[in-house]
Amino acid sequence: MAAIRLVKIAKELNVGTSTIVDFLKGKGYDIENKPTSKISDEMHDELLLEFSDSMVAKEKADKLVIGSRYENKEKRQHLRL
């Protein structure tokens, strides 16, 4: 797998870049907190193990539908009658 940019993995995992950098530095990796920094396959595997829960939460949140404009507009019309 090719190296992934820090900003891309942060978005995928739903975690901030500084959180990722702090975690990787704690594991002994040398990485700068720049969006264009490259994440190796080994780093990627470590991040998936640590932050997979955040990724699952993001996927669940993306699937939620909270109301709809059409439905709210229809309700308002009934209230006026």
N, C-alpha and C. Protein backbone atom coordinates (compact mmCIF):
# COMPACT_ATOMS: atom_id res chain seq x y z
N MET A 1 0.84 -1.18 0.00
CA MET A 1 0.00 0.00 0.00
C MET A 1 0.89 1.24 0.00
N ALA A 2 0.52 2.23 -0.76
CA ALA A 2 1.29 3.47 -0.83
C ALA A 2 1.07 4.29 0.44
N ALA A 3 2.03 5.13 0.74
CA ALA A 3 1.92 5.99 1.92
C ALA A 3 0.72 6.91 1.78
N ILE A 4 0.03 7.12 2.90
CA ILE A 4 -1.17 7.97 2.94
C ILE A 4 -0.81 9.27 3.63
N ARG A 5 -1.40 10.35 3.20
CA ARG A 5 -1.16 11.64 3.83
C ARG A 5 -1.90 11.71 5.18
N LEU A 6 -1.31 12.44 6.10
CA LEU A 6 -1.84 12.57 7.45
C LEU A 6 -3.28 13.08 7.45
N VAL A 7 -3.56 14.09 6.65
CA VAL A 7 -4.90 14.67 6.64
C VAL A 7 -5.95 13.66 6.16
N LYS A 8 -5.58 12.79 5.25
CA LYS A 8 -6.53 11.80 4.72
C LYS A 8 -6.85 10.75 5.78
N ILE A 9 -5.86 10.27 6.48
CA ILE A 9 -6.11 9.26 7.52
C ILE A 9 -6.86 9.88 8.69
N ALA A 10 -6.61 11.15 8.99
CA ALA A 10 -7.33 11.83 10.06
C ALA A 10 -8.82 11.90 9.74
N LYS A 11 -9.14 12.21 8.50
CA LYS A 11 -10.53 12.27 8.07
C LYS A 11 -11.17 10.88 8.10
N GLU A 12 -10.44 9.90 7.64
CA GLU A 12 -10.93 8.52 7.61
C GLU A 12 -11.24 8.01 9.02
N LEU A 13 -10.36 8.34 9.97
CA LEU A 13 -10.52 7.84 11.33
C LEU A 13 -11.37 8.75 12.21
N ASN A 14 -11.70 9.93 11.72
CA ASN A 14 -12.46 10.91 12.49
C ASN A 14 -11.71 11.34 13.75
N VAL A 15 -10.42 11.60 13.56
CA VAL A 15 -9.54 12.01 14.65
C VAL A 15 -8.70 13.17 14.16
N GLY A 16 -8.38 14.11 15.04
CA GLY A 16 -7.56 15.24 14.65
C GLY A 16 -6.12 14.85 14.34
N THR A 17 -5.49 15.64 13.49
CA THR A 17 -4.10 15.35 13.10
C THR A 17 -3.18 15.41 14.31
N SER A 18 -3.41 16.35 15.21
CA SER A 18 -2.53 16.45 16.39
C SER A 18 -2.66 15.22 17.28
N THR A 19 -3.86 14.66 17.36
CA THR A 19 -4.06 13.43 18.14
C THR A 19 -3.29 12.28 17.52
N ILE A 20 -3.33 12.20 16.21
CA ILE A 20 -2.60 11.15 15.50
C ILE A 20 -1.10 11.31 15.69
N VAL A 21 -0.61 12.53 15.52
CA VAL A 21 0.83 12.79 15.66
C VAL A 21 1.28 12.48 17.08
N ASP A 22 0.52 12.91 18.08
CA ASP A 22 0.88 12.62 19.48
C ASP A 22 0.93 11.12 19.73
N PHE A 23 -0.05 10.40 19.21
CA PHE A 23 -0.09 8.95 19.38
C PHE A 23 1.13 8.29 18.74
N LEU A 24 1.41 8.67 17.49
CA LEU A 24 2.54 8.06 16.78
C LEU A 24 3.88 8.41 17.42
N LYS A 25 4.02 9.64 17.89
CA LYS A 25 5.27 10.01 18.59
C LYS A 25 5.42 9.20 19.87
N GLY A 26 4.31 8.95 20.55
CA GLY A 26 4.33 8.11 21.76
C GLY A 26 4.76 6.69 21.46
N LYS A 27 4.51 6.25 20.24
CA LYS A 27 4.91 4.91 19.81
C LYS A 27 6.33 4.88 19.26
N GLY A 28 6.98 6.06 19.23
CA GLY A 28 8.37 6.11 18.78
C GLY A 28 8.58 6.50 17.33
N TYR A 29 7.52 6.86 16.63
CA TYR A 29 7.65 7.28 15.23
C TYR A 29 8.03 8.75 15.15
N ASP A 30 8.74 9.09 14.10
CA ASP A 30 9.14 10.48 13.85
C ASP A 30 8.23 11.04 12.76
N ILE A 31 7.33 11.95 13.14
CA ILE A 31 6.38 12.52 12.19
C ILE A 31 6.07 13.96 12.59
N GLU A 32 5.92 14.81 11.59
CA GLU A 32 5.58 16.21 11.83
C GLU A 32 4.07 16.39 11.69
N ASN A 33 3.54 17.38 12.42
CA ASN A 33 2.11 17.68 12.34
C ASN A 33 1.84 18.62 11.18
N LYS A 34 1.97 18.07 9.98
CA LYS A 34 1.67 18.78 8.74
C LYS A 34 0.69 17.92 7.95
N PRO A 35 -0.32 18.54 7.34
CA PRO A 35 -1.31 17.75 6.60
C PRO A 35 -0.70 16.88 5.50
N THR A 36 0.43 17.30 4.96
CA THR A 36 1.05 16.55 3.86
C THR A 36 2.03 15.48 4.33
N SER A 37 2.22 15.34 5.64
CA SER A 37 3.11 14.29 6.15
C SER A 37 2.59 12.93 5.72
N LYS A 38 3.51 12.02 5.43
CA LYS A 38 3.15 10.69 4.95
C LYS A 38 3.09 9.70 6.12
N ILE A 39 2.09 8.83 6.05
CA ILE A 39 1.90 7.78 7.04
C ILE A 39 2.30 6.45 6.39
N SER A 40 3.23 5.73 7.00
CA SER A 40 3.66 4.45 6.45
C SER A 40 2.60 3.38 6.74
N ASP A 41 2.75 2.24 6.09
CA ASP A 41 1.82 1.12 6.31
C ASP A 41 1.83 0.69 7.78
N GLU A 42 3.02 0.65 8.37
CA GLU A 42 3.15 0.25 9.77
C GLU A 42 2.42 1.23 10.68
N MET A 43 2.59 2.53 10.42
CA MET A 43 1.89 3.55 11.20
C MET A 43 0.38 3.42 11.01
N HIS A 44 -0.04 3.19 9.77
CA HIS A 44 -1.46 3.05 9.45
C HIS A 44 -2.08 1.91 10.24
N ASP A 45 -1.38 0.79 10.32
CA ASP A 45 -1.89 -0.36 11.07
C ASP A 45 -2.05 -0.02 12.55
N GLU A 46 -1.07 0.68 13.11
CA GLU A 46 -1.14 1.11 14.52
C GLU A 46 -2.34 2.02 14.74
N LEU A 47 -2.56 2.95 13.81
CA LEU A 47 -3.68 3.90 13.93
C LEU A 47 -5.02 3.18 13.83
N LEU A 48 -5.13 2.22 12.95
CA LEU A 48 -6.38 1.47 12.82
C LEU A 48 -6.71 0.72 14.10
N LEU A 49 -5.69 0.13 14.71
CA LEU A 49 -5.91 -0.58 15.97
C LEU A 49 -6.36 0.37 17.08
N GLU A 50 -5.77 1.53 17.14
CA GLU A 50 -6.05 2.48 18.21
C GLU A 50 -7.37 3.24 18.02
N PHE A 51 -7.66 3.66 16.80
CA PHE A 51 -8.77 4.58 16.57
C PHE A 51 -9.92 3.98 15.76
N SER A 52 -10.00 2.67 15.66
CA SER A 52 -11.08 2.07 14.88
C SER A 52 -12.46 2.39 15.46
N ASP A 53 -12.55 2.58 16.78
CA ASP A 53 -13.83 2.94 17.40
C ASP A 53 -14.33 4.29 16.90
N SER A 54 -13.42 5.24 16.71
CA SER A 54 -13.80 6.56 16.21
C SER A 54 -14.32 6.45 14.78
N MET A 55 -13.71 5.58 14.01
CA MET A 55 -14.12 5.39 12.63
C MET A 55 -15.53 4.80 12.57
N VAL A 56 -15.82 3.83 13.43
CA VAL A 56 -17.14 3.21 13.47
C VAL A 56 -18.19 4.23 13.90
N ALA A 57 -17.86 5.06 14.89
CA ALA A 57 -18.80 6.09 15.35
C ALA A 57 -19.11 7.08 14.23
N LYS A 58 -18.10 7.44 13.46
CA LYS A 58 -18.30 8.37 12.35
C LYS A 58 -19.22 7.75 11.30
N GLU A 59 -19.01 6.48 10.99
CA GLU A 59 -19.85 5.81 10.00
C GLU A 59 -21.31 5.76 10.46
N LYS A 60 -21.53 5.49 11.75
CA LYS A 60 -22.90 5.47 12.28
C LYS A 60 -23.52 6.86 12.21
N ALA A 61 -22.75 7.87 12.56
CA ALA A 61 -23.27 9.24 12.54
C ALA A 61 -23.60 9.68 11.12
N ASP A 62 -22.81 9.25 10.16
CA ASP A 62 -23.07 9.61 8.77
C ASP A 62 -24.38 9.02 8.25
N LYS A 63 -24.80 7.91 8.84
CA LYS A 63 -26.02 7.24 8.39
C LYS A 63 -27.28 7.82 9.03
N LEU A 64 -27.13 8.61 10.09
CA LEU A 64 -28.30 9.17 10.76
C LEU A 64 -28.97 10.22 9.89
N VAL A 65 -30.29 10.22 9.92
CA VAL A 65 -31.07 11.24 9.23
C VAL A 65 -31.90 11.93 10.30
N ILE A 66 -31.69 13.21 10.42
CA ILE A 66 -32.41 13.97 11.44
C ILE A 66 -33.39 14.90 10.74
N GLY A 67 -34.64 14.47 10.70
CA GLY A 67 -35.67 15.28 10.04
C GLY A 67 -35.42 15.44 8.56
N SER A 68 -36.33 16.14 7.91
CA SER A 68 -36.14 16.48 6.52
C SER A 68 -36.90 17.76 6.24
N ARG A 69 -36.43 18.51 5.30
CA ARG A 69 -37.07 19.79 4.99
C ARG A 69 -38.49 19.57 4.46
N TYR A 70 -38.65 18.57 3.62
CA TYR A 70 -39.97 18.31 3.05
C TYR A 70 -40.96 17.98 4.15
N GLU A 71 -40.55 17.10 5.05
CA GLU A 71 -41.42 16.68 6.14
C GLU A 71 -41.79 17.87 7.03
N ASN A 72 -40.82 18.71 7.37
CA ASN A 72 -41.09 19.87 8.22
C ASN A 72 -42.01 20.87 7.52
N LYS A 73 -41.83 21.06 6.25
CA LYS A 73 -42.67 21.98 5.48
C LYS A 73 -44.11 21.47 5.47
N GLU A 74 -44.27 20.17 5.29
CA GLU A 74 -45.59 19.57 5.27
C GLU A 74 -46.28 19.73 6.63
N LYS A 75 -45.57 19.57 7.71
CA LYS A 75 -46.13 19.73 9.05
C LYS A 75 -46.58 21.16 9.28
N ARG A 76 -45.77 22.13 8.83
CA ARG A 76 -46.12 23.53 9.02
C ARG A 76 -47.40 23.87 8.26
N GLN A 77 -47.59 23.30 7.08
CA GLN A 77 -48.80 23.57 6.31
C GLN A 77 -50.03 23.02 7.03
N HIS A 78 -49.92 21.87 7.67
CA HIS A 78 -51.03 21.30 8.42
C HIS A 78 -51.36 22.15 9.64
N LEU A 79 -50.36 22.72 10.26
CA LEU A 79 -50.59 23.55 11.44
C LEU A 79 -51.31 24.84 11.08
N ARG A 80 -51.12 25.34 9.89
CA ARG A 80 -51.77 26.58 9.46
C ARG A 80 -53.26 26.38 9.21
N LEU A 81 -53.64 25.16 8.86
CA LEU A 81 -55.04 24.89 8.54
C LEU A 81 -55.87 24.88 9.74
